[in-house]
Amino acid sequence: MIDPTDVRTRDDLVRYLDGLARAVSLNQREVEMVRIEDFLEALAAWIADMDGYFANQGVEPPSEGTWQVMAMAVAAGLVYE
């Protein structure tokens, strides 16, 4: 599975999400959010707070969404509280 920060194209995102789904189903990826509504709430919360994430990484937050940001948001939605 590729890392969400390596996602650059729509095809990369599809490969990332397919790999993530397999990893979750095989218990190879830890998931905090079991219910879809919890995942969606966490996803929304991370997107709302992502400027803080990027600041902690020492990089400028993106001004527009990208395939990479979408992949990062999905990954965070699985564990963000």
N, C-alpha and C. Protein backbone atom coordinates (compact mmCIF):
# COMPACT_ATOMS: atom_id res chain seq x y z
N MET A 1 0.85 -1.18 0.00
CA MET A 1 0.00 0.00 0.00
C MET A 1 0.89 1.24 0.00
N ILE A 2 0.54 2.21 -0.82
CA ILE A 2 1.32 3.43 -0.85
C ILE A 2 0.93 4.33 0.32
N ASP A 3 1.81 5.22 0.68
CA ASP A 3 1.58 6.17 1.75
C ASP A 3 0.68 7.29 1.23
N PRO A 4 -0.22 7.83 2.06
CA PRO A 4 -1.11 8.89 1.57
C PRO A 4 -0.33 10.11 1.06
N THR A 5 0.85 10.37 1.59
CA THR A 5 1.62 11.52 1.13
C THR A 5 2.23 11.29 -0.25
N ASP A 6 2.20 10.05 -0.74
CA ASP A 6 2.70 9.74 -2.08
C ASP A 6 1.61 9.80 -3.15
N VAL A 7 0.38 10.06 -2.75
CA VAL A 7 -0.73 10.13 -3.70
C VAL A 7 -0.64 11.44 -4.48
N ARG A 8 -0.61 11.33 -5.80
CA ARG A 8 -0.53 12.51 -6.66
C ARG A 8 -1.66 12.56 -7.70
N THR A 9 -2.19 11.41 -8.05
CA THR A 9 -3.19 11.35 -9.12
C THR A 9 -4.43 10.60 -8.63
N ARG A 10 -5.47 10.66 -9.43
CA ARG A 10 -6.68 9.92 -9.10
C ARG A 10 -6.39 8.42 -9.04
N ASP A 11 -5.58 7.91 -9.98
CA ASP A 11 -5.22 6.49 -9.95
C ASP A 11 -4.45 6.13 -8.69
N ASP A 12 -3.56 7.02 -8.25
CA ASP A 12 -2.86 6.79 -6.98
C ASP A 12 -3.85 6.68 -5.83
N LEU A 13 -4.84 7.57 -5.82
CA LEU A 13 -5.83 7.56 -4.75
C LEU A 13 -6.62 6.25 -4.76
N VAL A 14 -6.99 5.80 -5.94
CA VAL A 14 -7.72 4.54 -6.06
C VAL A 14 -6.87 3.39 -5.52
N ARG A 15 -5.60 3.35 -5.89
CA ARG A 15 -4.70 2.30 -5.38
C ARG A 15 -4.54 2.40 -3.87
N TYR A 16 -4.40 3.62 -3.37
CA TYR A 16 -4.27 3.83 -1.93
C TYR A 16 -5.51 3.33 -1.19
N LEU A 17 -6.70 3.72 -1.66
CA LEU A 17 -7.94 3.32 -0.99
C LEU A 17 -8.17 1.81 -1.08
N ASP A 18 -7.87 1.21 -2.22
CA ASP A 18 -7.98 -0.25 -2.34
C ASP A 18 -7.04 -0.94 -1.35
N GLY A 19 -5.81 -0.47 -1.28
CA GLY A 19 -4.84 -1.05 -0.34
C GLY A 19 -5.25 -0.84 1.10
N LEU A 20 -5.79 0.32 1.40
CA LEU A 20 -6.25 0.62 2.75
C LEU A 20 -7.41 -0.29 3.14
N ALA A 21 -8.34 -0.49 2.22
CA ALA A 21 -9.47 -1.38 2.49
C ALA A 21 -9.00 -2.80 2.78
N ARG A 22 -8.04 -3.29 1.98
CA ARG A 22 -7.48 -4.63 2.22
C ARG A 22 -6.78 -4.69 3.56
N ALA A 23 -5.98 -3.69 3.88
CA ALA A 23 -5.24 -3.69 5.14
C ALA A 23 -6.20 -3.68 6.34
N VAL A 24 -7.27 -2.91 6.25
CA VAL A 24 -8.25 -2.86 7.35
C VAL A 24 -8.96 -4.21 7.47
N SER A 25 -9.36 -4.78 6.35
CA SER A 25 -10.09 -6.05 6.40
C SER A 25 -9.22 -7.19 6.93
N LEU A 26 -7.92 -7.10 6.75
CA LEU A 26 -6.99 -8.13 7.23
C LEU A 26 -6.39 -7.78 8.59
N ASN A 27 -6.93 -6.74 9.22
CA ASN A 27 -6.43 -6.26 10.52
C ASN A 27 -4.96 -5.89 10.47
N GLN A 28 -4.49 -5.42 9.32
CA GLN A 28 -3.11 -4.96 9.18
C GLN A 28 -3.01 -3.46 9.40
N ARG A 29 -4.13 -2.82 9.55
CA ARG A 29 -4.19 -1.38 9.77
C ARG A 29 -5.11 -1.12 10.94
N GLU A 30 -4.61 -0.45 11.97
CA GLU A 30 -5.42 -0.16 13.15
C GLU A 30 -6.43 0.92 12.81
N VAL A 31 -7.65 0.72 13.29
CA VAL A 31 -8.75 1.65 13.03
C VAL A 31 -9.43 1.96 14.35
N GLU A 32 -9.55 3.24 14.65
CA GLU A 32 -10.26 3.66 15.86
C GLU A 32 -11.76 3.74 15.60
N MET A 33 -12.12 4.15 14.39
CA MET A 33 -13.52 4.40 14.06
C MET A 33 -14.13 3.17 13.40
N VAL A 34 -15.05 2.52 14.10
CA VAL A 34 -15.66 1.31 13.58
C VAL A 34 -16.94 1.64 12.82
N ARG A 35 -17.71 2.57 13.35
CA ARG A 35 -18.98 2.92 12.69
C ARG A 35 -18.72 4.00 11.64
N ILE A 36 -19.43 3.92 10.54
CA ILE A 36 -19.23 4.87 9.44
C ILE A 36 -19.49 6.30 9.89
N GLU A 37 -20.48 6.51 10.75
CA GLU A 37 -20.76 7.87 11.19
C GLU A 37 -19.61 8.43 12.04
N ASP A 38 -18.93 7.56 12.81
CA ASP A 38 -17.77 8.00 13.57
C ASP A 38 -16.62 8.37 12.63
N PHE A 39 -16.44 7.55 11.60
CA PHE A 39 -15.41 7.84 10.61
C PHE A 39 -15.68 9.17 9.92
N LEU A 40 -16.93 9.38 9.51
CA LEU A 40 -17.27 10.63 8.81
C LEU A 40 -17.09 11.84 9.71
N GLU A 41 -17.47 11.72 10.98
CA GLU A 41 -17.26 12.82 11.92
C GLU A 41 -15.77 13.11 12.11
N ALA A 42 -14.97 12.05 12.24
CA ALA A 42 -13.52 12.22 12.39
C ALA A 42 -12.91 12.82 11.14
N LEU A 43 -13.37 12.38 9.98
CA LEU A 43 -12.89 12.92 8.71
C LEU A 43 -13.18 14.42 8.64
N ALA A 44 -14.40 14.81 8.96
CA ALA A 44 -14.76 16.22 8.94
C ALA A 44 -13.94 17.02 9.95
N ALA A 45 -13.72 16.46 11.14
CA ALA A 45 -12.95 17.15 12.17
C ALA A 45 -11.50 17.35 11.72
N TRP A 46 -10.90 16.32 11.11
CA TRP A 46 -9.52 16.46 10.65
C TRP A 46 -9.42 17.51 9.57
N ILE A 47 -10.36 17.51 8.63
CA ILE A 47 -10.33 18.51 7.56
C ILE A 47 -10.46 19.91 8.15
N ALA A 48 -11.34 20.07 9.14
CA ALA A 48 -11.51 21.37 9.78
C ALA A 48 -10.24 21.80 10.51
N ASP A 49 -9.51 20.85 11.07
CA ASP A 49 -8.31 21.14 11.87
C ASP A 49 -7.00 20.92 11.13
N MET A 50 -7.04 20.63 9.84
CA MET A 50 -5.82 20.22 9.15
C MET A 50 -4.75 21.30 9.08
N ASP A 51 -5.11 22.56 9.22
CA ASP A 51 -4.08 23.59 9.24
C ASP A 51 -3.11 23.33 10.40
N GLY A 52 -3.63 22.89 11.54
CA GLY A 52 -2.78 22.55 12.68
C GLY A 52 -1.86 21.38 12.37
N TYR A 53 -2.39 20.37 11.66
CA TYR A 53 -1.56 19.23 11.27
C TYR A 53 -0.39 19.70 10.42
N PHE A 54 -0.68 20.50 9.40
CA PHE A 54 0.38 20.95 8.51
C PHE A 54 1.35 21.87 9.24
N ALA A 55 0.86 22.70 10.15
CA ALA A 55 1.75 23.56 10.95
C ALA A 55 2.70 22.71 11.79
N ASN A 56 2.17 21.62 12.38
CA ASN A 56 3.02 20.71 13.17
C ASN A 56 4.07 20.02 12.31
N GLN A 57 3.79 19.86 11.03
CA GLN A 57 4.75 19.25 10.11
C GLN A 57 5.73 20.29 9.56
N GLY A 58 5.49 21.57 9.88
CA GLY A 58 6.36 22.63 9.40
C GLY A 58 6.18 22.98 7.94
N VAL A 59 4.97 22.70 7.42
CA VAL A 59 4.69 23.03 6.02
C VAL A 59 3.42 23.87 5.93
N GLU A 60 3.34 24.61 4.87
CA GLU A 60 2.18 25.46 4.61
C GLU A 60 0.97 24.58 4.25
N PRO A 61 -0.18 24.85 4.86
CA PRO A 61 -1.37 24.07 4.47
C PRO A 61 -1.74 24.35 3.02
N PRO A 62 -2.27 23.35 2.33
CA PRO A 62 -2.65 23.59 0.93
C PRO A 62 -3.82 24.56 0.86
N SER A 63 -3.79 25.39 -0.18
CA SER A 63 -4.89 26.35 -0.36
C SER A 63 -6.07 25.70 -1.06
N GLU A 64 -5.82 24.58 -1.75
CA GLU A 64 -6.87 23.84 -2.44
C GLU A 64 -6.71 22.36 -2.15
N GLY A 65 -7.81 21.64 -2.27
CA GLY A 65 -7.75 20.19 -2.09
C GLY A 65 -7.01 19.53 -3.24
N THR A 66 -6.34 18.44 -2.93
CA THR A 66 -5.63 17.66 -3.94
C THR A 66 -5.95 16.19 -3.68
N TRP A 67 -5.55 15.33 -4.59
CA TRP A 67 -5.72 13.90 -4.38
C TRP A 67 -4.96 13.48 -3.13
N GLN A 68 -3.78 14.08 -2.92
CA GLN A 68 -2.96 13.75 -1.75
C GLN A 68 -3.67 14.15 -0.46
N VAL A 69 -4.22 15.35 -0.42
CA VAL A 69 -4.92 15.80 0.78
C VAL A 69 -6.13 14.91 1.05
N MET A 70 -6.82 14.50 0.00
CA MET A 70 -7.95 13.60 0.17
C MET A 70 -7.50 12.29 0.80
N ALA A 71 -6.40 11.73 0.32
CA ALA A 71 -5.89 10.47 0.88
C ALA A 71 -5.47 10.67 2.34
N MET A 72 -4.82 11.78 2.64
CA MET A 72 -4.40 12.05 4.00
C MET A 72 -5.62 12.20 4.92
N ALA A 73 -6.67 12.84 4.44
CA ALA A 73 -7.88 13.01 5.24
C ALA A 73 -8.55 11.67 5.53
N VAL A 74 -8.61 10.81 4.54
CA VAL A 74 -9.20 9.47 4.77
C VAL A 74 -8.39 8.70 5.80
N ALA A 75 -7.06 8.73 5.66
CA ALA A 75 -6.20 8.04 6.63
C ALA A 75 -6.42 8.59 8.03
N ALA A 76 -6.49 9.90 8.15
CA ALA A 76 -6.71 10.52 9.46
C ALA A 76 -8.09 10.20 10.01
N GLY A 77 -9.08 10.14 9.14
CA GLY A 77 -10.44 9.85 9.58
C GLY A 77 -10.59 8.50 10.26
N LEU A 78 -9.67 7.59 9.97
CA LEU A 78 -9.72 6.27 10.60
C LEU A 78 -9.28 6.29 12.06
N VAL A 79 -8.51 7.32 12.44
CA VAL A 79 -7.95 7.32 13.80
C VAL A 79 -8.13 8.64 14.54
N TYR A 80 -8.56 9.68 13.87
CA TYR A 80 -8.65 11.01 14.47
C TYR A 80 -9.79 11.08 15.47
N GLU A 81 -9.52 11.70 16.60
CA GLU A 81 -10.58 11.83 17.62
C GLU A 81 -10.83 13.28 17.92
